[in-house]
């Protein structure tokens, strides 16, 4: 089974991405959480365009994918987990937990370090939040994030299948928790005990700085609770909070070239 997954990595990742995009996009159409302020036709081209650009940039800049690097680390016995006879399931769970904590810490860092925030704020400049926002990141941030993940995969000696599952999980949960989807509050409270829900993550996209600087998780919700960065509800309520940043709300800011040049302006 693991051999099949690794052999068909590109097809599997694309299939899951498209399936989640269509599922959450359809859910947003049928049961939106909030009214849109900007039509999809004015936001989606740039958001999906930068997603495609980032995919190409990763392939051009890095000769190996994260999964291929994990395979190389296993062959050459690099990393902590490759030094011990760790059961496969334990190694996989440890890898997913470590990588998820890494993404949380990296996200926090990109908010706290000014030069990194200039890259990351493009993600926050979206004045609506939906499934495409989950893949809207500046190309330089994506490349830097890949470098960080590569370092951790080598140091950890992460199993390739666990890395593949985490990459798929990260992409899927990012689209889910950015989705403009309505979930009953009872279900949200239950889900939020384990994973980051759309209502939880939407607070992170508030233009109120104290709310922006909270709820950094993408997958597991425990990190924000444990490290004191959790906000349960926005001050203005889910329907009243304003999404985005004060300085990037003009229509021209929705164009692809504007998104790419934003960190340098």
Protein backbone atom coordinates (compact mmCIF):
# COMPACT_ATOMS: atom_id res chain seq x y z
CA UNK A 1 0.00 0.00 0.00
CA UNK A 2 2.75 2.45 0.94
CA UNK A 3 4.59 1.68 -2.28
CA UNK A 4 1.47 2.50 -4.31
CA UNK A 5 0.99 5.81 -2.45
CA UNK A 6 4.59 6.89 -3.00
CA UNK A 7 4.59 5.82 -6.64
CA UNK A 8 1.47 7.89 -7.37
CA UNK A 9 2.28 10.93 -5.19
CA UNK A 10 1.58 13.67 -7.81
CA UNK A 11 -1.72 12.14 -8.94
CA UNK A 12 -2.84 11.52 -5.37
CA UNK A 13 -2.07 15.03 -4.17
CA UNK A 14 -3.77 16.64 -7.18
CA UNK A 15 -6.83 14.40 -6.83
CA UNK A 16 -7.29 15.24 -3.15
CA UNK A 17 -6.71 18.96 -3.79
CA UNK A 18 -9.34 19.07 -6.53
CA UNK A 19 -11.81 16.96 -4.55
CA UNK A 20 -11.54 19.19 -1.45
CA UNK A 21 -11.66 22.37 -3.57
CA UNK A 22 -14.89 21.22 -5.24
CA UNK A 23 -16.41 19.89 -2.00
CA UNK A 24 -15.77 23.01 0.08
CA UNK A 25 -16.57 25.29 -2.87
CA UNK A 26 -19.93 23.55 -3.27
CA UNK A 27 -20.58 23.73 0.46
CA UNK A 28 -19.88 27.47 0.39
CA UNK A 29 -22.40 27.87 -2.41
CA UNK A 30 -25.12 25.87 -0.66
CA UNK A 31 -24.54 26.92 2.97
CA UNK A 32 -22.30 29.99 3.31
CA UNK A 33 -21.35 31.20 6.79
CA UNK A 34 -21.07 34.87 5.81
CA UNK A 35 -22.20 37.06 2.93
CA UNK A 36 -19.45 37.77 0.40
CA UNK A 37 -18.14 41.30 0.00
CA UNK A 38 -16.41 40.55 -3.33
CA UNK A 39 -17.58 38.22 -6.09
CA UNK A 40 -15.64 35.00 -6.69
CA UNK A 41 -14.86 36.11 -10.24
CA UNK A 42 -12.86 39.05 -8.86
CA UNK A 43 -10.88 37.04 -6.29
CA UNK A 44 -10.47 33.49 -7.52
CA UNK A 45 -8.31 34.16 -10.62
CA UNK A 46 -5.50 35.69 -8.54
CA UNK A 47 -5.88 33.24 -5.64
CA UNK A 48 -5.80 30.19 -7.91
CA UNK A 49 -3.19 31.81 -10.13
CA UNK A 50 -0.73 32.18 -7.29
CA UNK A 51 -1.44 28.60 -6.24
CA UNK A 52 -0.42 27.41 -9.70
CA UNK A 53 2.62 29.70 -9.70
CA UNK A 54 3.73 28.33 -6.33
CA UNK A 55 3.42 24.74 -7.57
CA UNK A 56 5.63 25.50 -10.56
CA UNK A 57 8.14 27.46 -8.45
CA UNK A 58 8.57 24.55 -6.02
CA UNK A 59 9.28 22.15 -8.88
CA UNK A 60 11.78 24.54 -10.47
CA UNK A 61 13.66 25.54 -7.31
CA UNK A 62 13.78 22.18 -5.53
CA UNK A 63 14.92 19.09 -7.47
CA UNK A 64 13.33 16.78 -4.86
CA UNK A 65 9.87 16.86 -3.36
CA UNK A 66 9.55 16.60 0.42
CA UNK A 67 8.53 12.94 0.04
CA UNK A 68 11.51 12.15 -2.20
CA UNK A 69 13.80 13.82 0.34
CA UNK A 70 12.34 11.61 3.08
CA UNK A 71 13.02 8.57 0.91
CA UNK A 72 16.63 9.70 0.43
CA UNK A 73 17.00 10.25 4.19
CA UNK A 74 15.76 6.70 4.78
CA UNK A 75 18.16 5.21 2.25
CA UNK A 76 21.13 7.01 3.81
CA UNK A 77 19.95 6.57 7.42
CA UNK A 78 19.75 10.29 8.13
CA UNK A 79 17.75 11.60 11.06
CA UNK A 80 16.66 10.57 14.53
CA UNK A 81 13.98 8.01 13.65
CA UNK A 82 16.36 6.16 11.33
CA UNK A 83 18.75 5.50 14.22
CA UNK A 84 16.32 3.35 16.20
CA UNK A 85 13.96 0.46 15.55
CA UNK A 86 10.82 2.59 15.89
CA UNK A 87 7.55 0.84 14.91
CA UNK A 88 6.20 2.25 11.64
CA UNK A 89 2.92 3.46 13.15
CA UNK A 90 4.68 5.25 16.01
CA UNK A 91 7.16 6.86 13.60
CA UNK A 92 4.32 8.00 11.35
CA UNK A 93 2.29 9.51 14.20
CA UNK A 94 5.38 11.22 15.62
CA UNK A 95 6.17 12.68 12.19
CA UNK A 96 2.68 14.08 11.69
CA UNK A 97 2.63 15.61 15.19
CA UNK A 98 6.10 17.14 14.85
CA UNK A 99 5.36 18.58 11.41
CA UNK A 100 2.03 19.98 12.59
CA UNK A 101 3.71 21.67 15.56
CA UNK A 102 6.36 22.97 13.16
CA UNK A 103 3.72 24.60 10.94
CA UNK A 104 2.13 26.20 14.01
CA UNK A 105 5.51 27.57 15.19
CA UNK A 106 6.44 28.73 11.69
CA UNK A 107 3.11 30.53 11.39
CA UNK A 108 3.72 32.28 14.71
CA UNK A 109 7.21 33.27 13.54
CA UNK A 110 5.87 34.76 10.31
CA UNK A 111 3.65 37.02 12.39
CA UNK A 112 6.29 38.10 14.90
CA UNK A 113 9.31 38.79 12.63
CA UNK A 114 8.68 41.97 10.56
CA UNK A 115 10.46 40.85 7.38
CA UNK A 116 8.58 37.54 7.42
CA UNK A 117 5.27 39.30 8.11
CA UNK A 118 5.77 41.32 4.92
CA UNK A 119 5.62 38.00 3.05
CA UNK A 120 2.82 36.46 5.08
CA UNK A 121 0.54 39.52 5.14
CA UNK A 122 -0.41 38.82 1.50
CA UNK A 123 -2.35 35.84 2.84
CA UNK A 124 -4.12 38.13 5.32
CA UNK A 125 -4.88 40.84 2.77
CA UNK A 126 -7.73 38.79 1.28
CA UNK A 127 -10.86 40.70 2.30
CA UNK A 128 -13.08 37.64 1.99
CA UNK A 129 -12.28 34.18 3.25
CA UNK A 130 -13.11 31.01 1.33
CA UNK A 131 -11.62 27.75 0.10
CA UNK A 132 -9.14 29.50 -2.23
CA UNK A 133 -7.71 31.56 0.65
CA UNK A 134 -6.27 28.33 2.05
CA UNK A 135 -3.78 28.15 -0.82
CA UNK A 136 -3.10 31.90 -1.21
CA UNK A 137 0.46 32.42 0.02
CA UNK A 138 3.30 34.47 -1.42
CA UNK A 139 5.72 32.45 -3.51
CA UNK A 140 8.71 33.46 -1.37
CA UNK A 141 6.88 32.30 1.76
CA UNK A 142 6.12 28.95 0.14
CA UNK A 143 9.77 28.46 -0.85
CA UNK A 144 11.01 29.42 2.61
CA UNK A 145 8.46 27.14 4.25
CA UNK A 146 9.66 24.26 2.08
CA UNK A 147 13.26 24.85 3.19
CA UNK A 148 12.19 24.71 6.83
CA UNK A 149 10.18 21.52 6.32
CA UNK A 150 13.08 19.92 4.44
CA UNK A 151 15.41 20.59 7.35
CA UNK A 152 13.00 19.04 9.84
CA UNK A 153 12.33 15.99 7.64
CA UNK A 154 16.07 15.29 7.43
CA UNK A 155 16.72 15.87 11.15
CA UNK A 156 13.73 13.74 12.13
CA UNK A 157 14.33 10.98 9.58
CA UNK A 158 10.63 11.13 8.75
CA UNK A 159 9.03 8.12 7.00
CA UNK A 160 8.09 9.03 3.39
CA UNK A 161 4.49 7.82 3.68
CA UNK A 162 3.96 9.91 6.82
CA UNK A 163 5.35 12.96 5.02
CA UNK A 164 3.01 12.37 2.09
CA UNK A 165 0.00 11.96 4.39
CA UNK A 166 0.91 15.13 6.27
CA UNK A 167 1.30 17.17 3.07
CA UNK A 168 -2.12 15.98 1.87
CA UNK A 169 -3.64 16.62 5.30
CA UNK A 170 -2.15 20.12 5.51
CA UNK A 171 -3.51 21.09 2.09
CA UNK A 172 -6.97 19.66 2.81
CA UNK A 173 -7.34 21.15 6.29
CA UNK A 174 -6.11 24.57 5.10
CA UNK A 175 -8.87 24.67 2.48
CA UNK A 176 -11.41 23.37 5.02
CA UNK A 177 -10.67 25.85 7.80
CA UNK A 178 -10.56 28.80 5.39
CA UNK A 179 -13.90 27.77 3.94
CA UNK A 180 -16.89 30.09 4.13
CA UNK A 181 -19.05 27.21 5.31
CA UNK A 182 -21.78 27.00 7.91
CA UNK A 183 -21.37 24.30 10.55
CA UNK A 184 -23.88 23.96 13.42
CA UNK A 185 -22.41 25.45 16.60
CA UNK A 186 -22.78 22.18 18.51
CA UNK A 187 -20.71 20.36 15.89
CA UNK A 188 -18.19 23.19 15.80
CA UNK A 189 -17.62 22.95 19.56
CA UNK A 190 -17.04 19.21 19.30
CA UNK A 191 -14.76 19.43 16.26
CA UNK A 192 -12.80 22.31 17.77
CA UNK A 193 -11.69 20.06 20.61
CA UNK A 194 -9.43 18.30 18.09
CA UNK A 195 -9.11 20.24 14.84
CA UNK A 196 -9.16 23.84 13.66
CA UNK A 197 -12.62 24.71 12.37
CA UNK A 198 -13.54 27.52 9.97
CA UNK A 199 -15.09 29.58 12.79
CA UNK A 200 -11.91 29.19 14.84
CA UNK A 201 -9.53 30.10 12.04
CA UNK A 202 -11.67 32.96 10.72
CA UNK A 203 -10.82 34.88 13.91
CA UNK A 204 -7.17 34.77 12.84
CA UNK A 205 -8.13 36.74 9.72
CA UNK A 206 -9.83 39.54 11.66
CA UNK A 207 -8.39 43.01 11.09
CA UNK A 208 -8.25 43.47 14.89
CA UNK A 209 -4.53 42.88 15.70
CA UNK A 210 -5.18 40.99 18.95
CA UNK A 211 -7.39 38.54 17.03
CA UNK A 212 -5.02 38.30 14.07
CA UNK A 213 -2.27 37.31 16.49
CA UNK A 214 -4.11 34.25 17.77
CA UNK A 215 -5.35 30.87 16.48
CA UNK A 216 -2.26 30.03 14.44
CA UNK A 217 -3.08 26.36 13.97
CA UNK A 218 -3.99 24.82 10.62
CA UNK A 219 -4.79 21.27 11.63
CA UNK A 220 -4.74 20.37 15.34
CA UNK A 221 -6.32 22.93 17.68
CA UNK A 222 -4.34 21.88 20.76
CA UNK A 223 -1.24 23.97 20.02
CA UNK A 224 -3.06 27.29 20.44
CA UNK A 225 -4.71 26.10 23.63
CA UNK A 226 -1.45 24.80 25.12
CA UNK A 227 0.67 27.81 24.19
CA UNK A 228 -1.86 30.48 25.16
CA UNK A 229 -2.68 31.83 21.69
CA UNK A 230 -6.28 30.64 21.54
CA UNK A 231 -9.23 33.01 21.00
CA UNK A 232 -12.65 31.41 21.23
CA UNK A 233 -14.84 34.10 19.65
CA UNK A 234 -14.21 37.43 17.89
CA UNK A 235 -15.27 40.58 19.69
CA UNK A 236 -17.64 41.54 16.86
CA UNK A 237 -19.03 38.03 16.43
CA UNK A 238 -18.57 35.72 13.45
CA UNK A 239 -20.90 37.75 11.24
CA UNK A 240 -19.63 41.12 12.39
CA UNK A 241 -15.86 40.72 12.20
CA UNK A 242 -14.02 42.44 9.35
CA UNK A 243 -11.63 40.22 7.40
CA UNK A 244 -8.39 41.48 5.86
CA UNK A 245 -5.98 44.33 6.49
CA UNK A 246 -6.69 48.06 6.60
CA UNK A 247 -4.10 49.05 3.98
CA UNK A 248 -4.88 46.49 1.24
CA UNK A 249 -8.57 46.84 0.46
CA UNK A 250 -8.55 48.63 -2.90
CA UNK A 251 -9.78 46.66 -5.96
CA UNK A 252 -6.31 46.81 -7.56
CA UNK A 253 -4.91 44.81 -4.64
CA UNK A 254 -6.79 41.73 -5.87
CA UNK A 255 -4.65 41.38 -9.02
CA UNK A 256 -1.96 38.71 -9.22
CA UNK A 257 0.89 41.16 -9.85
CA UNK A 258 -0.24 43.25 -6.89
CA UNK A 259 -0.17 40.18 -4.65
CA UNK A 260 3.37 39.33 -5.78
CA UNK A 261 4.68 42.87 -5.34
CA UNK A 262 2.93 43.53 -2.03
CA UNK A 263 5.87 42.60 0.30
CA UNK A 264 8.07 45.16 -1.47
CA UNK A 265 5.60 48.03 -1.20
